[in-house]
Amino acid sequence: MEIEALTEDEVVLILSRDDVALINNALNEVCNGIHWDDAELRTRTGFTREEVRAALKLINRAGREMGQARVTGASRADLLSCGLTVPRVQ
């Protein structure tokens, strides 16, 4: 895992396949493995269940697309152009 860019409000990371798997598995455990009610999840993570699920969906998609890139031989530039972002919740 590498920091590509950093500002006061955002960070851009470069993640390996293993990094993506680690984050995916941790988010999946929070969403589906640990049995916290919505209030407890918010207290422990600082995020709503919907926000965590959105992040899980995005990281899961990134992992799948990495798998596709491996099959198709996509370049780093191709991957960077896919523009995956988590919707901001106000």
N, C-alpha and C. Protein backbone atom coordinates (compact mmCIF):
# COMPACT_ATOMS: atom_id res chain seq x y z
N MET A 1 0.86 -1.16 0.00
CA MET A 1 0.00 0.00 0.00
C MET A 1 0.91 1.23 0.00
N GLU A 2 0.63 2.15 -0.91
CA GLU A 2 1.41 3.37 -1.00
C GLU A 2 0.50 4.59 -1.03
N ILE A 3 0.97 5.69 -0.47
CA ILE A 3 0.25 6.96 -0.57
C ILE A 3 0.70 7.63 -1.86
N GLU A 4 -0.24 7.86 -2.76
CA GLU A 4 0.03 8.51 -4.04
C GLU A 4 -0.07 10.03 -3.91
N ALA A 5 -1.11 10.48 -3.21
CA ALA A 5 -1.34 11.92 -3.03
C ALA A 5 -2.08 12.10 -1.71
N LEU A 6 -1.92 13.30 -1.14
CA LEU A 6 -2.50 13.55 0.17
C LEU A 6 -2.84 15.03 0.30
N THR A 7 -4.06 15.30 0.76
CA THR A 7 -4.47 16.66 1.07
C THR A 7 -5.08 16.63 2.47
N GLU A 8 -5.57 17.77 2.91
CA GLU A 8 -6.22 17.84 4.22
C GLU A 8 -7.48 16.97 4.27
N ASP A 9 -8.16 16.83 3.13
CA ASP A 9 -9.45 16.14 3.10
C ASP A 9 -9.46 14.79 2.40
N GLU A 10 -8.44 14.48 1.61
CA GLU A 10 -8.46 13.25 0.83
C GLU A 10 -7.08 12.63 0.75
N VAL A 11 -7.08 11.31 0.50
CA VAL A 11 -5.83 10.60 0.26
C VAL A 11 -6.06 9.67 -0.93
N VAL A 12 -5.07 9.57 -1.78
CA VAL A 12 -5.10 8.64 -2.91
C VAL A 12 -4.08 7.55 -2.60
N LEU A 13 -4.57 6.31 -2.56
CA LEU A 13 -3.71 5.17 -2.24
C LEU A 13 -3.53 4.28 -3.46
N ILE A 14 -2.38 3.64 -3.53
CA ILE A 14 -2.15 2.58 -4.49
C ILE A 14 -2.21 1.28 -3.70
N LEU A 15 -3.14 0.41 -4.08
CA LEU A 15 -3.36 -0.83 -3.34
C LEU A 15 -2.99 -2.04 -4.19
N SER A 16 -2.30 -2.98 -3.58
CA SER A 16 -2.03 -4.25 -4.25
C SER A 16 -3.27 -5.12 -4.18
N ARG A 17 -3.24 -6.22 -4.88
CA ARG A 17 -4.35 -7.18 -4.82
C ARG A 17 -4.57 -7.65 -3.38
N ASP A 18 -3.47 -7.88 -2.64
CA ASP A 18 -3.59 -8.30 -1.24
C ASP A 18 -4.19 -7.19 -0.37
N ASP A 19 -3.81 -5.93 -0.63
CA ASP A 19 -4.39 -4.81 0.11
C ASP A 19 -5.90 -4.74 -0.11
N VAL A 20 -6.31 -4.90 -1.36
CA VAL A 20 -7.74 -4.85 -1.68
C VAL A 20 -8.46 -6.00 -0.98
N ALA A 21 -7.87 -7.17 -0.98
CA ALA A 21 -8.49 -8.32 -0.31
C ALA A 21 -8.61 -8.08 1.19
N LEU A 22 -7.58 -7.51 1.81
CA LEU A 22 -7.61 -7.22 3.24
C LEU A 22 -8.75 -6.26 3.56
N ILE A 23 -8.85 -5.17 2.82
CA ILE A 23 -9.91 -4.17 3.07
C ILE A 23 -11.27 -4.77 2.80
N ASN A 24 -11.40 -5.52 1.70
CA ASN A 24 -12.67 -6.17 1.37
C ASN A 24 -13.11 -7.10 2.50
N ASN A 25 -12.19 -7.93 2.97
CA ASN A 25 -12.54 -8.90 4.01
C ASN A 25 -12.92 -8.21 5.32
N ALA A 26 -12.20 -7.15 5.67
CA ALA A 26 -12.52 -6.43 6.91
C ALA A 26 -13.89 -5.75 6.82
N LEU A 27 -14.16 -5.10 5.69
CA LEU A 27 -15.47 -4.45 5.53
C LEU A 27 -16.59 -5.49 5.48
N ASN A 28 -16.34 -6.61 4.83
CA ASN A 28 -17.34 -7.67 4.77
C ASN A 28 -17.64 -8.19 6.17
N GLU A 29 -16.62 -8.34 6.99
CA GLU A 29 -16.82 -8.81 8.37
C GLU A 29 -17.65 -7.81 9.16
N VAL A 30 -17.36 -6.52 8.99
CA VAL A 30 -18.14 -5.49 9.69
C VAL A 30 -19.59 -5.51 9.23
N CYS A 31 -19.80 -5.67 7.92
CA CYS A 31 -21.17 -5.64 7.38
C CYS A 31 -21.95 -6.92 7.65
N ASN A 32 -21.26 -8.06 7.56
CA ASN A 32 -21.99 -9.33 7.54
C ASN A 32 -21.60 -10.33 8.62
N GLY A 33 -20.47 -10.13 9.28
CA GLY A 33 -20.01 -11.12 10.24
C GLY A 33 -20.30 -10.74 11.68
N ILE A 34 -19.94 -9.53 12.03
CA ILE A 34 -20.15 -9.04 13.39
C ILE A 34 -21.60 -8.59 13.51
N HIS A 35 -22.26 -9.00 14.53
CA HIS A 35 -23.69 -8.69 14.67
C HIS A 35 -23.89 -7.49 15.59
N TRP A 36 -23.63 -6.30 15.03
CA TRP A 36 -23.88 -5.06 15.73
C TRP A 36 -25.16 -4.44 15.19
N ASP A 37 -25.97 -3.89 16.08
CA ASP A 37 -27.12 -3.14 15.57
C ASP A 37 -26.58 -1.85 14.96
N ASP A 38 -27.46 -1.11 14.28
CA ASP A 38 -27.03 0.09 13.54
C ASP A 38 -26.36 1.12 14.45
N ALA A 39 -26.90 1.31 15.64
CA ALA A 39 -26.33 2.30 16.57
C ALA A 39 -24.94 1.89 17.02
N GLU A 40 -24.75 0.61 17.31
CA GLU A 40 -23.43 0.13 17.76
C GLU A 40 -22.41 0.23 16.64
N LEU A 41 -22.82 -0.11 15.42
CA LEU A 41 -21.91 0.01 14.28
C LEU A 41 -21.48 1.46 14.10
N ARG A 42 -22.42 2.39 14.22
CA ARG A 42 -22.10 3.82 14.07
C ARG A 42 -21.15 4.28 15.18
N THR A 43 -21.39 3.81 16.39
CA THR A 43 -20.54 4.17 17.52
C THR A 43 -19.12 3.65 17.33
N ARG A 44 -18.99 2.42 16.91
CA ARG A 44 -17.67 1.79 16.80
C ARG A 44 -16.89 2.23 15.57
N THR A 45 -17.58 2.52 14.46
CA THR A 45 -16.87 2.86 13.22
C THR A 45 -16.95 4.33 12.86
N GLY A 46 -17.97 5.02 13.35
CA GLY A 46 -18.18 6.40 12.95
C GLY A 46 -18.95 6.54 11.65
N PHE A 47 -19.43 5.41 11.12
CA PHE A 47 -20.15 5.41 9.84
C PHE A 47 -21.44 4.62 9.96
N THR A 48 -22.39 4.95 9.08
CA THR A 48 -23.63 4.20 9.05
C THR A 48 -23.40 2.88 8.31
N ARG A 49 -24.32 1.96 8.48
CA ARG A 49 -24.24 0.68 7.78
C ARG A 49 -24.24 0.90 6.27
N GLU A 50 -25.04 1.86 5.80
CA GLU A 50 -25.11 2.14 4.37
C GLU A 50 -23.77 2.64 3.85
N GLU A 51 -23.08 3.48 4.62
CA GLU A 51 -21.77 3.98 4.20
C GLU A 51 -20.74 2.86 4.14
N VAL A 52 -20.77 1.97 5.12
CA VAL A 52 -19.84 0.84 5.12
C VAL A 52 -20.14 -0.09 3.96
N ARG A 53 -21.42 -0.35 3.71
CA ARG A 53 -21.80 -1.20 2.57
C ARG A 53 -21.38 -0.58 1.24
N ALA A 54 -21.48 0.74 1.12
CA ALA A 54 -21.06 1.42 -0.11
C ALA A 54 -19.56 1.25 -0.32
N ALA A 55 -18.79 1.37 0.75
CA ALA A 55 -17.35 1.18 0.66
C ALA A 55 -17.01 -0.28 0.31
N LEU A 56 -17.74 -1.22 0.91
CA LEU A 56 -17.54 -2.63 0.60
C LEU A 56 -17.85 -2.90 -0.86
N LYS A 57 -18.95 -2.37 -1.35
CA LYS A 57 -19.34 -2.57 -2.74
C LYS A 57 -18.25 -2.04 -3.68
N LEU A 58 -17.72 -0.88 -3.36
CA LEU A 58 -16.70 -0.26 -4.20
C LEU A 58 -15.40 -1.07 -4.18
N ILE A 59 -14.93 -1.46 -3.00
CA ILE A 59 -13.67 -2.20 -2.92
C ILE A 59 -13.83 -3.57 -3.55
N ASN A 60 -15.02 -4.16 -3.42
CA ASN A 60 -15.29 -5.44 -4.06
C ASN A 60 -15.24 -5.30 -5.57
N ARG A 61 -15.83 -4.23 -6.09
CA ARG A 61 -15.79 -3.97 -7.53
C ARG A 61 -14.35 -3.77 -8.00
N ALA A 62 -13.57 -3.03 -7.21
CA ALA A 62 -12.17 -2.81 -7.56
C ALA A 62 -11.42 -4.14 -7.65
N GLY A 63 -11.67 -5.02 -6.70
CA GLY A 63 -11.04 -6.34 -6.73
C GLY A 63 -11.41 -7.14 -7.95
N ARG A 64 -12.70 -7.10 -8.31
CA ARG A 64 -13.15 -7.81 -9.52
C ARG A 64 -12.50 -7.22 -10.76
N GLU A 65 -12.43 -5.88 -10.81
CA GLU A 65 -11.83 -5.24 -11.98
C GLU A 65 -10.33 -5.52 -12.05
N MET A 66 -9.68 -5.65 -10.90
CA MET A 66 -8.27 -6.04 -10.91
C MET A 66 -8.12 -7.43 -11.51
N GLY A 67 -9.04 -8.31 -11.16
CA GLY A 67 -9.02 -9.66 -11.74
C GLY A 67 -9.21 -9.63 -13.25
N GLN A 68 -10.12 -8.77 -13.71
CA GLN A 68 -10.33 -8.61 -15.15
C GLN A 68 -9.09 -8.04 -15.82
N ALA A 69 -8.46 -7.07 -15.18
CA ALA A 69 -7.25 -6.45 -15.74
C ALA A 69 -6.15 -7.51 -15.89
N ARG A 70 -6.11 -8.40 -14.93
CA ARG A 70 -5.11 -9.48 -14.98
C ARG A 70 -5.35 -10.37 -16.18
N VAL A 71 -6.62 -10.66 -16.45
CA VAL A 71 -6.98 -11.51 -17.57
C VAL A 71 -6.75 -10.80 -18.90
N THR A 72 -7.12 -9.52 -18.96
CA THR A 72 -7.04 -8.78 -20.23
C THR A 72 -5.71 -8.08 -20.45
N GLY A 73 -4.88 -8.02 -19.40
CA GLY A 73 -3.59 -7.35 -19.54
C GLY A 73 -3.69 -5.84 -19.51
N ALA A 74 -4.71 -5.30 -18.84
CA ALA A 74 -4.88 -3.85 -18.76
C ALA A 74 -3.69 -3.22 -18.05
N SER A 75 -3.38 -2.00 -18.45
CA SER A 75 -2.25 -1.27 -17.87
C SER A 75 -2.68 -0.52 -16.61
N ARG A 76 -1.70 0.01 -15.91
CA ARG A 76 -2.00 0.84 -14.73
C ARG A 76 -2.83 2.05 -15.13
N ALA A 77 -2.51 2.66 -16.28
CA ALA A 77 -3.28 3.81 -16.75
C ALA A 77 -4.74 3.43 -17.00
N ASP A 78 -4.98 2.23 -17.53
CA ASP A 78 -6.36 1.77 -17.74
C ASP A 78 -7.09 1.66 -16.42
N LEU A 79 -6.41 1.12 -15.41
CA LEU A 79 -7.03 0.98 -14.10
C LEU A 79 -7.31 2.34 -13.47
N LEU A 80 -6.36 3.26 -13.61
CA LEU A 80 -6.55 4.58 -13.01
C LEU A 80 -7.68 5.35 -13.67
N SER A 81 -7.98 5.03 -14.91
CA SER A 81 -9.02 5.77 -15.62
C SER A 81 -10.43 5.29 -15.29
N CYS A 82 -10.56 4.20 -14.52
CA CYS A 82 -11.90 3.67 -14.26
C CYS A 82 -12.69 4.54 -13.27
N GLY A 83 -12.01 5.37 -12.47
CA GLY A 83 -12.68 6.37 -11.65
C GLY A 83 -13.61 5.83 -10.57
N LEU A 84 -13.22 4.83 -9.84
CA LEU A 84 -14.04 4.30 -8.76
C LEU A 84 -13.97 5.22 -7.56
N THR A 85 -15.12 5.67 -7.08
CA THR A 85 -15.15 6.51 -5.88
C THR A 85 -16.35 6.14 -5.03
N VAL A 86 -16.21 6.30 -3.74
CA VAL A 86 -17.32 6.08 -2.81
C VAL A 86 -18.16 7.35 -2.79
N PRO A 87 -19.47 7.22 -3.00
CA PRO A 87 -20.32 8.42 -2.92
C PRO A 87 -20.22 9.06 -1.54
N ARG A 88 -20.12 10.35 -1.50
CA ARG A 88 -20.04 11.07 -0.23
C ARG A 88 -21.42 11.18 0.39
N VAL A 89 -21.51 10.87 1.66
CA VAL A 89 -22.76 10.99 2.39
C VAL A 89 -22.65 12.21 3.30
N GLN A 90 -23.60 13.12 3.17
CA GLN A 90 -23.56 14.35 3.97
C GLN A 90 -24.31 14.16 5.26
